[in-house]
Structure formats: structure tokens, C-alpha cells
Amino acid sequence: MRSFSEYNPIAVAVWFFSVTGVAMFCSYPVLMVISLAGGVLFFLKRNGFSHGKTQLFFWLLFAVLALANPLISHNGKTVLFVMNHNPVTLEAALYGVNSAVMIIGVLYWFRSFTQIMTSEKLLYITGALSPKLSLVLSMALRFVPLFSRQSAKISAAQTAMGLYKEDNIVEDIRGKSRIFSIMVTWALENGIITADSMEARGFGTGRRTQLRRFGFRRGDILLLTATLLLLGVTAAAIGTGALSFEFYPSMELKKLTFLGISGIISYAALVLLPIFIEMEAELRWKYLRSGI
């Protein structure tokens, strides 16, 4: 009984890239709506109605993107009205809405991705592909909080010494430049110390081992298999042109074939996979609790 975030990081990453890959490289409106709806449902399933500022930003961005295209692009045959001697067409407006749906859906997916795929999971994936890349990434992630804390310490020391004046723009710029110069020196010195420490501990002298906290279970294999199968059907429908939609110069929708319908159903199932997993885990947990 595991939630979706507890599955093997490789299976989870493959699923995320499959969903977002289809959304980014296909402009079929039905798939875009499915992607956005699934992204919003999954985000709400995990976070409820928290992160209000993030969601408000997403939907304000949606409005801007949807309105920007018909005002910039004037392609299309169906003219709705004329603004400043420039035609605003139906095709451009619908293309803008479709593009906004795609972008906001992908943003929702990647917001959930950053919540689930922690630095440890990313290091597990990159470590399997390239140990050196994993090392560089782990060191970079480690230095981000170190830089933040060190910068705060230096700023507090400068303020206590009276060298950092915030009420004067010129002094403020000088103070920030001084802090930046100190931070660069500290980073270079810290890098040399880290390199010497790694050399002293024998880095690069033998075969590198890796701690593997994540194993492949039966559920991980099923998730990965289901993801690849559903992605394959969807990709086949897109690749053969069964799911194609033309916006310019006039909207043209091809008649849906069996492969096209299968592609839509497969992508919907692919998008809803984590929601089904979360619901199944919750129902099983409630069932086990009821038996206590």
C-alpha cells in the first residue's frame, strides 16, 4: 500500500516525462484539456486548496497567454472584429487558448514533479546514468543552502559594522557588491577545501559505489509497463496523424478513427494513473483501519 510519491523514482520520472512530453509536442485540443484537467486534479489531490498564490499566478498567466496571441497574430480567415486596423481572428483566439491550456497544464505537472522528486530521488536517477553527473548535481544542490546561509551571515556582519546602509541607493549597491565579492572568495576557497578533502579520502582511486534506497517492486514494474504501453498507443495515434488539428488558415479537424479514439483514451488513462493509485491507497488504508 503505497502512494504515488513512494514508487520508484525511475518509474515516476518516466510517467511525468511521458505525460508532459505528449502535452508539449502535440497540439490536439482534447489532449491539452485532458492534460490541464489531470494536472489540476493531481495538484489538488496532493495539496488541497493550499498554494493559493501559485494557482492564482498560473491562472493569471493563462489569461495573459490566451489574450496575447490574437492581439499579436492576425492569421486566420474568420475575422471577429478589427482593433486598431488589425483583424482579430477566431483561429488566432482559439490557438491562443489552446497554447495557454498546454502551458498551464505543463506548469501544474512540473509543480507536482518538484514536490515528489526530491533531491535524493534525482540523485538516485542521475547516479544510475552518470556517477560524475550525480556528484556535480549533489554538490550544486548542497551549495545552494550554504550560499544562502553564508550570504545572510556576511550581510548581518556588514550591517553590524555599519558598512551596509539600506537607506541610500549608492551605499546599498556598494554593500551588495562587497557581499558578492566576499561570497566569490568564500566559494573559491570552499571549493579548494572540498577538492583537497575528496582527494585525501581517495576519490577517484577506485570503483565508485552507490547507496540504493529505492528498489523495484511489483507495483513499480506495473506502473512502468502501464506507462510505456499507454504512451505507445498515444504516440502511435499522434505519429500517424490520427490526432491532428489545424488552426491556420482555417480550423480543420480530421474525422476520428479507431486509433485516434484509442489514443485519447490511452492518454486520459495515463494522466489519471497517479490519481487512481492515490485513491486505491486511501481506500485500502480506510479498509484496514475499519478492521481494527
C-alpha atoms as a PDB file:
ATOM      1  CA  MET A   1       0.000   0.000   0.000  1.00  0.00           C
ATOM      2  CA  ARG A   2       1.939   2.996  -1.301  1.00  0.00           C
ATOM      3  CA  SER A   3       1.059   6.437  -2.520  1.00  0.00           C
ATOM      4  CA  PHE A   4       2.279   7.550  -5.924  1.00  0.00           C
ATOM      5  CA  SER A   5       5.180   9.546  -4.471  1.00  0.00           C
ATOM      6  CA  GLU A   6       6.522   6.377  -2.788  1.00  0.00           C
ATOM      7  CA  TYR A   7       7.009   4.484  -6.044  1.00  0.00           C
ATOM      8  CA  ASN A   8      10.451   4.026  -7.557  1.00  0.00           C
ATOM      9  CA  PRO A   9      11.795   7.408  -8.805  1.00  0.00           C
ATOM     10  CA  ILE A  10      12.619   5.983 -12.232  1.00  0.00           C
ATOM     11  CA  ALA A  11       9.031   4.814 -12.792  1.00  0.00           C
ATOM     12  CA  VAL A  12       7.670   8.130 -11.506  1.00  0.00           C
ATOM     13  CA  ALA A  13      10.049  10.164 -13.683  1.00  0.00           C
ATOM     14  CA  VAL A  14       9.174   8.146 -16.800  1.00  0.00           C
ATOM     15  CA  TRP A  15       5.486   8.753 -16.116  1.00  0.00           C
ATOM     16  CA  PHE A  16       5.973  12.513 -15.627  1.00  0.00           C
ATOM     17  CA  PHE A  17       8.041  12.903 -18.800  1.00  0.00           C
ATOM     18  CA  SER A  18       5.527  10.829 -20.765  1.00  0.00           C
ATOM     19  CA  VAL A  19       2.588  12.995 -19.720  1.00  0.00           C
ATOM     20  CA  THR A  20       4.373  16.316 -20.210  1.00  0.00           C
ATOM     21  CA  GLY A  21       6.090  15.157 -23.411  1.00  0.00           C
ATOM     22  CA  VAL A  22       2.763  14.438 -25.094  1.00  0.00           C
ATOM     23  CA  ALA A  23       1.357  17.753 -23.861  1.00  0.00           C
ATOM     24  CA  MET A  24       4.323  19.772 -25.142  1.00  0.00           C
ATOM     25  CA  PHE A  25       4.720  18.163 -28.560  1.00  0.00           C
ATOM     26  CA  CYS A  26       1.091  17.700 -29.561  1.00  0.00           C
ATOM     27  CA  SER A  27      -1.417  20.500 -30.120  1.00  0.00           C
ATOM     28  CA  TYR A  28      -4.571  18.389 -30.262  1.00  0.00           C
ATOM     29  CA  PRO A  29      -7.126  20.343 -28.159  1.00  0.00           C
ATOM     30  CA  VAL A  30      -8.704  17.306 -26.477  1.00  0.00           C
ATOM     31  CA  LEU A  31      -5.320  16.097 -25.228  1.00  0.00           C
ATOM     32  CA  MET A  32      -4.492  19.591 -23.981  1.00  0.00           C
ATOM     33  CA  VAL A  33      -7.719  19.753 -21.972  1.00  0.00           C
ATOM     34  CA  ILE A  34      -7.064  16.286 -20.534  1.00  0.00           C
ATOM     35  CA  SER A  35      -3.534  17.339 -19.552  1.00  0.00           C
ATOM     36  CA  LEU A  36      -4.705  20.530 -17.825  1.00  0.00           C
ATOM     37  CA  ALA A  37      -7.603  18.827 -16.039  1.00  0.00           C
ATOM     38  CA  GLY A  38      -5.370  15.979 -14.888  1.00  0.00           C
ATOM     39  CA  GLY A  39      -2.649  18.367 -13.723  1.00  0.00           C
ATOM     40  CA  VAL A  40      -5.108  20.436 -11.693  1.00  0.00           C
ATOM     41  CA  LEU A  41      -6.798  17.355 -10.185  1.00  0.00           C
ATOM     42  CA  PHE A  42      -3.476  15.781  -9.226  1.00  0.00           C
ATOM     43  CA  PHE A  43      -2.226  19.039  -7.695  1.00  0.00           C
ATOM     44  CA  LEU A  44      -5.447  19.497  -5.715  1.00  0.00           C
ATOM     45  CA  LYS A  45      -5.376  15.840  -4.670  1.00  0.00           C
ATOM     46  CA  ARG A  46      -1.957  16.319  -3.120  1.00  0.00           C
ATOM     47  CA  ASN A  47      -2.231  19.888  -1.791  1.00  0.00           C
ATOM     48  CA  GLY A  48      -5.917  20.665  -1.475  1.00  0.00           C
ATOM     49  CA  PHE A  49      -6.630  24.361  -1.899  1.00  0.00           C
ATOM     50  CA  SER A  50      -3.312  25.487  -0.457  1.00  0.00           C
ATOM     51  CA  HIS A  51      -0.639  27.242  -2.558  1.00  0.00           C
ATOM     52  CA  GLY A  52      -3.224  29.843  -3.490  1.00  0.00           C
ATOM     53  CA  LYS A  53      -0.639  32.337  -4.759  1.00  0.00           C
ATOM     54  CA  THR A  54       0.860  29.742  -7.084  1.00  0.00           C
ATOM     55  CA  GLN A  55      -2.511  28.819  -8.547  1.00  0.00           C
ATOM     56  CA  LEU A  56      -3.526  32.471  -8.875  1.00  0.00           C
ATOM     57  CA  PHE A  57      -0.314  33.144 -10.790  1.00  0.00           C
ATOM     58  CA  PHE A  58      -0.988  30.185 -13.099  1.00  0.00           C
ATOM     59  CA  TRP A  59      -4.479  31.355 -13.995  1.00  0.00           C
ATOM     60  CA  LEU A  60      -3.441  34.972 -14.455  1.00  0.00           C
ATOM     61  CA  LEU A  61      -0.728  33.699 -16.787  1.00  0.00           C
ATOM     62  CA  PHE A  62      -3.377  31.639 -18.570  1.00  0.00           C
ATOM     63  CA  ALA A  63      -5.458  34.775 -19.214  1.00  0.00           C
ATOM     64  CA  VAL A  64      -2.424  36.725 -20.457  1.00  0.00           C
ATOM     65  CA  LEU A  65      -1.308  33.951 -22.809  1.00  0.00           C
ATOM     66  CA  ALA A  66      -4.815  33.376 -24.154  1.00  0.00           C
ATOM     67  CA  LEU A  67      -5.328  37.076 -24.882  1.00  0.00           C
ATOM     68  CA  ALA A  68      -1.850  37.777 -26.217  1.00  0.00           C
ATOM     69  CA  ASN A  69      -1.931  35.542 -29.301  1.00  0.00           C
ATOM     70  CA  PRO A  70      -4.985  37.047 -31.075  1.00  0.00           C
ATOM     71  CA  LEU A  71      -3.615  40.534 -30.419  1.00  0.00           C
ATOM     72  CA  ILE A  72      -0.202  39.670 -31.858  1.00  0.00           C
ATOM     73  CA  SER A  73      -1.016  37.118 -34.553  1.00  0.00           C
ATOM     74  CA  HIS A  74      -3.594  38.061 -37.178  1.00  0.00           C
ATOM     75  CA  ASN A  75      -3.626  34.831 -39.158  1.00  0.00           C
ATOM     76  CA  GLY A  76      -6.885  33.091 -39.876  1.00  0.00           C
ATOM     77  CA  LYS A  77      -9.896  33.550 -42.113  1.00  0.00           C
ATOM     78  CA  THR A  78     -12.683  34.160 -39.590  1.00  0.00           C
ATOM     79  CA  VAL A  79     -12.452  37.812 -38.515  1.00  0.00           C
ATOM     80  CA  LEU A  80     -14.240  38.538 -35.243  1.00  0.00           C
ATOM     81  CA  PHE A  81     -13.578  42.274 -35.097  1.00  0.00           C
ATOM     82  CA  VAL A  82     -10.965  44.868 -36.030  1.00  0.00           C
ATOM     83  CA  MET A  83      -8.833  46.612 -33.400  1.00  0.00           C
ATOM     84  CA  ASN A  84      -6.524  49.475 -34.404  1.00  0.00           C
ATOM     85  CA  HIS A  85      -6.829  48.424 -38.051  1.00  0.00           C
ATOM     86  CA  ASN A  86      -5.714  44.874 -37.141  1.00  0.00           C
ATOM     87  CA  PRO A  87      -8.119  41.946 -37.508  1.00  0.00           C
ATOM     88  CA  VAL A  88      -8.711  39.690 -34.515  1.00  0.00           C
ATOM     89  CA  THR A  89      -9.484  36.235 -35.878  1.00  0.00           C
ATOM     90  CA  LEU A  90     -11.258  33.261 -34.348  1.00  0.00           C
ATOM     91  CA  GLU A  91      -8.436  30.921 -35.320  1.00  0.00           C
ATOM     92  CA  ALA A  92      -5.819  33.040 -33.540  1.00  0.00           C
ATOM     93  CA  ALA A  93      -8.004  33.305 -30.438  1.00  0.00           C
ATOM     94  CA  LEU A  94      -8.576  29.545 -30.231  1.00  0.00           C
ATOM     95  CA  TYR A  95      -4.896  28.856 -30.884  1.00  0.00           C
ATOM     96  CA  GLY A  96      -4.017  31.193 -28.016  1.00  0.00           C
ATOM     97  CA  VAL A  97      -6.425  29.417 -25.673  1.00  0.00           C
ATOM     98  CA  ASN A  98      -5.076  26.034 -26.744  1.00  0.00           C
ATOM     99  CA  SER A  99      -1.472  27.154 -26.180  1.00  0.00           C
ATOM    100  CA  ALA A 100      -2.383  28.601 -22.772  1.00  0.00           C
ATOM    101  CA  VAL A 101      -4.053  25.322 -21.779  1.00  0.00           C
ATOM    102  CA  MET A 102      -0.906  23.428 -22.778  1.00  0.00           C
ATOM    103  CA  ILE A 103       1.494  25.734 -20.903  1.00  0.00           C
ATOM    104  CA  ILE A 104      -0.540  25.905 -17.688  1.00  0.00           C
ATOM    105  CA  GLY A 105      -1.101  22.148 -17.727  1.00  0.00           C
ATOM    106  CA  VAL A 106       2.638  21.529 -18.034  1.00  0.00           C
ATOM    107  CA  LEU A 107       3.323  24.045 -15.246  1.00  0.00           C
ATOM    108  CA  TYR A 108       0.921  22.192 -12.962  1.00  0.00           C
ATOM    109  CA  TRP A 109       2.631  18.884 -13.776  1.00  0.00           C
ATOM    110  CA  PHE A 110       6.094  20.261 -13.113  1.00  0.00           C
ATOM    111  CA  ARG A 111       4.902  21.862  -9.867  1.00  0.00           C
ATOM    112  CA  SER A 112       3.825  18.417  -8.696  1.00  0.00           C
ATOM    113  CA  PHE A 113       7.069  16.982 -10.078  1.00  0.00           C
ATOM    114  CA  THR A 114       9.165  19.281  -7.893  1.00  0.00           C
ATOM    115  CA  GLN A 115       7.149  18.235  -4.840  1.00  0.00           C
ATOM    116  CA  ILE A 116       7.522  14.495  -5.457  1.00  0.00           C
ATOM    117  CA  MET A 117      11.011  14.256  -6.969  1.00  0.00           C
ATOM    118  CA  THR A 118      13.212  15.341  -4.095  1.00  0.00           C
ATOM    119  CA  SER A 119      16.940  15.932  -4.475  1.00  0.00           C
ATOM    120  CA  GLU A 120      17.617  12.425  -3.161  1.00  0.00           C
ATOM    121  CA  LYS A 121      15.430  10.880  -5.859  1.00  0.00           C
ATOM    122  CA  LEU A 122      17.013  12.997  -8.600  1.00  0.00           C
ATOM    123  CA  LEU A 123      20.457  11.938  -7.422  1.00  0.00           C
ATOM    124  CA  TYR A 124      19.331   8.312  -7.495  1.00  0.00           C
ATOM    125  CA  ILE A 125      18.289   8.670 -11.148  1.00  0.00           C
ATOM    126  CA  THR A 126      21.336  10.624 -12.300  1.00  0.00           C
ATOM    127  CA  GLY A 127      23.638   8.344 -10.311  1.00  0.00           C
ATOM    128  CA  ALA A 128      22.409   5.359 -12.284  1.00  0.00           C
ATOM    129  CA  LEU A 129      23.029   7.194 -15.564  1.00  0.00           C
ATOM    130  CA  SER A 130      26.255   9.020 -14.758  1.00  0.00           C
ATOM    131  CA  PRO A 131      28.034   8.957 -11.372  1.00  0.00           C
ATOM    132  CA  LYS A 132      30.028  12.085 -12.205  1.00  0.00           C
ATOM    133  CA  LEU A 133      26.867  13.989 -13.137  1.00  0.00           C
ATOM    134  CA  SER A 134      25.300  12.839  -9.890  1.00  0.00           C
ATOM    135  CA  LEU A 135      28.299  14.102  -7.935  1.00  0.00           C
ATOM    136  CA  VAL A 136      28.224  17.513  -9.611  1.00  0.00           C
ATOM    137  CA  LEU A 137      24.475  17.802  -9.082  1.00  0.00           C
ATOM    138  CA  SER A 138      24.694  16.788  -5.421  1.00  0.00           C
ATOM    139  CA  MET A 139      27.455  19.330  -4.794  1.00  0.00           C
ATOM    140  CA  ALA A 140      25.485  22.047  -6.578  1.00  0.00           C
ATOM    141  CA  LEU A 141      22.369  21.295  -4.543  1.00  0.00           C
ATOM    142  CA  ARG A 142      24.449  21.311  -1.362  1.00  0.00           C
ATOM    143  CA  PHE A 143      25.970  24.704  -2.121  1.00  0.00           C
ATOM    144  CA  VAL A 144      22.597  26.420  -2.650  1.00  0.00           C
ATOM    145  CA  PRO A 145      21.596  26.453   1.056  1.00  0.00           C
ATOM    146  CA  LEU A 146      25.234  27.036   2.066  1.00  0.00           C
ATOM    147  CA  PHE A 147      25.395  30.123  -0.139  1.00  0.00           C
ATOM    148  CA  SER A 148      22.121  31.403   1.283  1.00  0.00           C
ATOM    149  CA  ARG A 149      23.206  30.981   4.909  1.00  0.00           C
ATOM    150  CA  GLN A 150      26.690  32.402   4.312  1.00  0.00           C
ATOM    151  CA  SER A 151      25.271  35.406   2.481  1.00  0.00           C
ATOM    152  CA  ALA A 152      22.933  36.112   5.414  1.00  0.00           C
ATOM    153  CA  LYS A 153      25.852  35.880   7.863  1.00  0.00           C
ATOM    154  CA  ILE A 154      28.005  38.269   5.834  1.00  0.00           C
ATOM    155  CA  SER A 155      25.114  40.711   5.426  1.00  0.00           C
ATOM    156  CA  ALA A 156      24.459  40.677   9.195  1.00  0.00           C
ATOM    157  CA  ALA A 157      28.156  41.238   9.936  1.00  0.00           C
ATOM    158  CA  GLN A 158      28.347  44.122   7.446  1.00  0.00           C
ATOM    159  CA  THR A 159      25.241  45.710   8.959  1.00  0.00           C
ATOM    160  CA  ALA A 160      26.638  45.375  12.488  1.00  0.00           C
ATOM    161  CA  MET A 161      29.857  47.065  11.370  1.00  0.00           C
ATOM    162  CA  GLY A 162      27.885  49.954   9.889  1.00  0.00           C
ATOM    163  CA  LEU A 163      29.185  49.356   6.372  1.00  0.00           C
ATOM    164  CA  TYR A 164      25.848  48.388   4.836  1.00  0.00           C
ATOM    165  CA  LYS A 165      23.352  51.224   4.506  1.00  0.00           C
ATOM    166  CA  GLU A 166      19.926  50.343   3.118  1.00  0.00           C
ATOM    167  CA  ASP A 167      18.561  53.886   3.166  1.00  0.00           C
ATOM    168  CA  ASN A 168      20.981  55.055   0.465  1.00  0.00           C
ATOM    169  CA  ILE A 169      20.917  53.593  -3.037  1.00  0.00           C
ATOM    170  CA  VAL A 170      24.624  54.158  -3.691  1.00  0.00           C
ATOM    171  CA  GLU A 171      25.642  52.646  -0.362  1.00  0.00           C
ATOM    172  CA  ASP A 172      23.209  49.798  -0.922  1.00  0.00           C
ATOM    173  CA  ILE A 173      24.859  48.946  -4.255  1.00  0.00           C
ATOM    174  CA  ARG A 174      28.319  49.185  -2.682  1.00  0.00           C
ATOM    175  CA  GLY A 175      27.240  46.927   0.164  1.00  0.00           C
ATOM    176  CA  LYS A 176      25.778  44.316  -2.182  1.00  0.00           C
ATOM    177  CA  SER A 177      28.933  44.431  -4.316  1.00  0.00           C
ATOM    178  CA  ARG A 178      31.076  43.959  -1.221  1.00  0.00           C
ATOM    179  CA  ILE A 179      28.990  40.959  -0.149  1.00  0.00           C
ATOM    180  CA  PHE A 180      29.207  39.469  -3.646  1.00  0.00           C
ATOM    181  CA  SER A 181      32.987  39.841  -3.681  1.00  0.00           C
ATOM    182  CA  ILE A 182      33.270  38.141  -0.287  1.00  0.00           C
ATOM    183  CA  MET A 183      30.951  35.349  -1.431  1.00  0.00           C
ATOM    184  CA  VAL A 184      33.052  34.684  -4.542  1.00  0.00           C
ATOM    185  CA  THR A 185      36.213  34.449  -2.431  1.00  0.00           C
ATOM    186  CA  TRP A 186      34.478  32.172   0.069  1.00  0.00           C
ATOM    187  CA  ALA A 187      33.126  29.919  -2.708  1.00  0.00           C
ATOM    188  CA  LEU A 188      36.550  29.522  -4.346  1.00  0.00           C
ATOM    189  CA  GLU A 189      38.204  28.773  -1.006  1.00  0.00           C
ATOM    190  CA  ASN A 190      35.477  26.308  -0.072  1.00  0.00           C
ATOM    191  CA  GLY A 191      35.840  24.599  -3.458  1.00  0.00           C
ATOM    192  CA  ILE A 192      39.583  24.113  -2.914  1.00  0.00           C
ATOM    193  CA  ILE A 193      38.977  22.701   0.574  1.00  0.00           C
ATOM    194  CA  THR A 194      36.344  20.305  -0.792  1.00  0.00           C
ATOM    195  CA  ALA A 195      38.661  19.120  -3.571  1.00  0.00           C
ATOM    196  CA  ASP A 196      41.521  18.529  -1.121  1.00  0.00           C
ATOM    197  CA  SER A 197      39.196  16.649   1.214  1.00  0.00           C
ATOM    198  CA  MET A 198      37.920  14.418  -1.595  1.00  0.00           C
ATOM    199  CA  GLU A 199      41.459  13.677  -2.743  1.00  0.00           C
ATOM    200  CA  ALA A 200      42.545  12.856   0.821  1.00  0.00           C
ATOM    201  CA  ARG A 201      39.663  10.407   1.150  1.00  0.00           C
ATOM    202  CA  GLY A 202      40.660   8.570  -2.023  1.00  0.00           C
ATOM    203  CA  PHE A 203      38.115   9.893  -4.505  1.00  0.00           C
ATOM    204  CA  GLY A 204      38.806   8.570  -7.993  1.00  0.00           C
ATOM    205  CA  THR A 205      41.263   5.893  -6.882  1.00  0.00           C
ATOM    206  CA  GLY A 206      38.817   3.003  -7.077  1.00  0.00           C
ATOM    207  CA  ARG A 207      35.421   1.905  -8.264  1.00  0.00           C
ATOM    208  CA  ARG A 208      32.607   4.107  -7.035  1.00  0.00           C
ATOM    209  CA  THR A 209      29.743   2.507  -5.123  1.00  0.00           C
ATOM    210  CA  GLN A 210      26.219   3.872  -4.794  1.00  0.00           C
ATOM    211  CA  LEU A 211      23.690   3.702  -1.989  1.00  0.00           C
ATOM    212  CA  ARG A 212      20.431   2.363  -3.386  1.00  0.00           C
ATOM    213  CA  ARG A 213      17.496   3.057  -1.142  1.00  0.00           C
ATOM    214  CA  PHE A 214      14.928   2.546  -3.866  1.00  0.00           C
ATOM    215  CA  GLY A 215      14.246  -0.906  -5.228  1.00  0.00           C
ATOM    216  CA  PHE A 216      11.960  -2.096  -7.999  1.00  0.00           C
ATOM    217  CA  ARG A 217       8.872  -3.770  -6.622  1.00  0.00           C
ATOM    218  CA  ARG A 218       5.989  -5.378  -8.404  1.00  0.00           C
ATOM    219  CA  GLY A 219       3.984  -2.125  -8.312  1.00  0.00           C
ATOM    220  CA  ASP A 220       6.876  -0.171  -9.842  1.00  0.00           C
ATOM    221  CA  ILE A 221       7.147  -2.634 -12.715  1.00  0.00           C
ATOM    222  CA  LEU A 222       3.385  -2.461 -13.285  1.00  0.00           C
ATOM    223  CA  LEU A 223       3.449   1.352 -13.262  1.00  0.00           C
ATOM    224  CA  LEU A 224       6.361   1.485 -15.694  1.00  0.00           C
ATOM    225  CA  THR A 225       4.781  -1.104 -18.002  1.00  0.00           C
ATOM    226  CA  ALA A 226       1.394   0.632 -17.988  1.00  0.00           C
ATOM    227  CA  THR A 227       3.052   3.990 -18.663  1.00  0.00           C
ATOM    228  CA  LEU A 228       5.006   2.710 -21.659  1.00  0.00           C
ATOM    229  CA  LEU A 229       2.009   0.854 -23.124  1.00  0.00           C
ATOM    230  CA  LEU A 230      -0.352   3.823 -22.822  1.00  0.00           C
ATOM    231  CA  LEU A 231       2.338   6.169 -24.127  1.00  0.00           C
ATOM    232  CA  GLY A 232       2.938   3.850 -27.072  1.00  0.00           C
ATOM    233  CA  VAL A 233      -0.726   3.885 -28.105  1.00  0.00           C
ATOM    234  CA  THR A 234      -0.906   7.678 -27.730  1.00  0.00           C
ATOM    235  CA  ALA A 235       2.325   8.206 -29.651  1.00  0.00           C
ATOM    236  CA  ALA A 236       1.124   5.899 -32.423  1.00  0.00           C
ATOM    237  CA  ALA A 237      -2.088   7.911 -32.770  1.00  0.00           C
ATOM    238  CA  ILE A 238      -0.153  11.188 -32.883  1.00  0.00           C
ATOM    239  CA  GLY A 239       2.558   9.876 -35.212  1.00  0.00           C
ATOM    240  CA  THR A 240       0.100   8.547 -37.787  1.00  0.00           C
ATOM    241  CA  GLY A 241      -1.859  11.802 -37.860  1.00  0.00           C
ATOM    242  CA  ALA A 242      -4.957  10.321 -36.242  1.00  0.00           C
ATOM    243  CA  LEU A 243      -4.824  13.138 -33.653  1.00  0.00           C
ATOM    244  CA  SER A 244      -4.068  16.212 -35.737  1.00  0.00           C
ATOM    245  CA  PHE A 245      -5.781  19.590 -35.688  1.00  0.00           C
ATOM    246  CA  GLU A 246      -5.050  22.554 -37.938  1.00  0.00           C
ATOM    247  CA  PHE A 247      -5.766  26.080 -36.712  1.00  0.00           C
ATOM    248  CA  TYR A 248      -4.470  28.064 -39.688  1.00  0.00           C
ATOM    249  CA  PRO A 249      -5.586  29.321 -42.104  1.00  0.00           C
ATOM    250  CA  SER A 250      -8.900  27.775 -41.051  1.00  0.00           C
ATOM    251  CA  MET A 251      -9.695  25.174 -38.433  1.00  0.00           C
ATOM    252  CA  GLU A 252      -9.623  21.651 -39.794  1.00  0.00           C
ATOM    253  CA  LEU A 253     -10.440  18.601 -37.689  1.00  0.00           C
ATOM    254  CA  LYS A 254      -9.949  15.173 -39.182  1.00  0.00           C
ATOM    255  CA  LYS A 255     -12.536  12.512 -38.574  1.00  0.00           C
ATOM    256  CA  LEU A 256     -11.655  10.428 -35.555  1.00  0.00           C
ATOM    257  CA  THR A 257     -10.618   6.884 -36.346  1.00  0.00           C
ATOM    258  CA  PHE A 258     -10.374   3.916 -34.008  1.00  0.00           C
ATOM    259  CA  LEU A 259      -6.687   4.667 -33.471  1.00  0.00           C
ATOM    260  CA  GLY A 260      -7.457   8.299 -32.663  1.00  0.00           C
ATOM    261  CA  ILE A 261     -10.103   7.355 -30.100  1.00  0.00           C
ATOM    262  CA  SER A 262      -7.717   4.789 -28.615  1.00  0.00           C
ATOM    263  CA  GLY A 263      -5.033   7.479 -28.339  1.00  0.00           C
ATOM    264  CA  ILE A 264      -7.363   9.831 -26.460  1.00  0.00           C
ATOM    265  CA  ILE A 265      -8.499   7.092 -24.074  1.00  0.00           C
ATOM    266  CA  SER A 266      -4.908   5.942 -23.525  1.00  0.00           C
ATOM    267  CA  TYR A 267      -3.693   9.440 -22.717  1.00  0.00           C
ATOM    268  CA  ALA A 268      -6.614  10.008 -20.342  1.00  0.00           C
ATOM    269  CA  ALA A 269      -5.776   6.743 -18.575  1.00  0.00           C
ATOM    270  CA  LEU A 270      -2.106   7.735 -18.464  1.00  0.00           C
ATOM    271  CA  VAL A 271      -2.930  11.107 -16.900  1.00  0.00           C
ATOM    272  CA  LEU A 272      -5.264   9.554 -14.319  1.00  0.00           C
ATOM    273  CA  LEU A 273      -2.872   6.766 -13.286  1.00  0.00           C
ATOM    274  CA  PRO A 274      -1.469   8.539 -10.179  1.00  0.00           C
ATOM    275  CA  ILE A 275      -4.944   9.639  -9.091  1.00  0.00           C
ATOM    276  CA  PHE A 276      -6.139   6.028  -9.279  1.00  0.00           C
ATOM    277  CA  ILE A 277      -3.082   4.945  -7.271  1.00  0.00           C
ATOM    278  CA  GLU A 278      -3.705   7.580  -4.607  1.00  0.00           C
ATOM    279  CA  MET A 279      -7.391   6.667  -4.356  1.00  0.00           C
ATOM    280  CA  GLU A 280      -6.594   2.964  -4.164  1.00  0.00           C
ATOM    281  CA  ALA A 281      -4.091   3.590  -1.339  1.00  0.00           C
ATOM    282  CA  GLU A 282      -6.615   5.710   0.575  1.00  0.00           C
ATOM    283  CA  LEU A 283      -9.407   3.145   0.197  1.00  0.00           C
ATOM    284  CA  ARG A 284      -7.146   0.307   1.284  1.00  0.00           C
ATOM    285  CA  TRP A 285      -5.981   2.286   4.299  1.00  0.00           C
ATOM    286  CA  LYS A 286      -9.567   3.056   5.327  1.00  0.00           C
ATOM    287  CA  TYR A 287     -10.462  -0.608   4.919  1.00  0.00           C
ATOM    288  CA  LEU A 288      -7.551  -1.708   7.104  1.00  0.00           C
ATOM    289  CA  ARG A 289      -8.429   0.875   9.734  1.00  0.00           C
ATOM    290  CA  SER A 290     -12.043  -0.248   9.794  1.00  0.00           C
ATOM    291  CA  GLY A 291     -10.883  -3.758  10.648  1.00  0.00           C
ATOM    292  CA  ILE A 292      -9.008  -2.659  13.750  1.00  0.00           C
END
